[in-house]
Amino acid sequence: MEQKAEVKQLITKDMTIGDVVAKYPASIEPLQAAGVHCVGCHVSYHETLEQGFKGHGMSDDEVDTVISNINKAIEES
């Protein structure tokens, strides 16, 4: 019986943008690359990543891709 390696995601779509940026500065570059420039905005502490991304017109698949990119950037930092 094979066991799949479980990928630990530090960042999930229900976390606020402000908390993610404060805890993981490596998340700023993938956020900005995705067109999300509100990393210093006061709303970023009240909006989840998913809410912010959807507010920027992203689909569910795009949200998942950006979350994955953020997790990769943090892991590599």
Foldseek 3Di string as FASTA:
>chain_A
DDDDDDDDQPADQQAFLQVCCVVAVLLQVLCVVLVNNCSPPPCSRVHGNNRSVVVVVDDPVSSVVSSVVSRVSRVVD
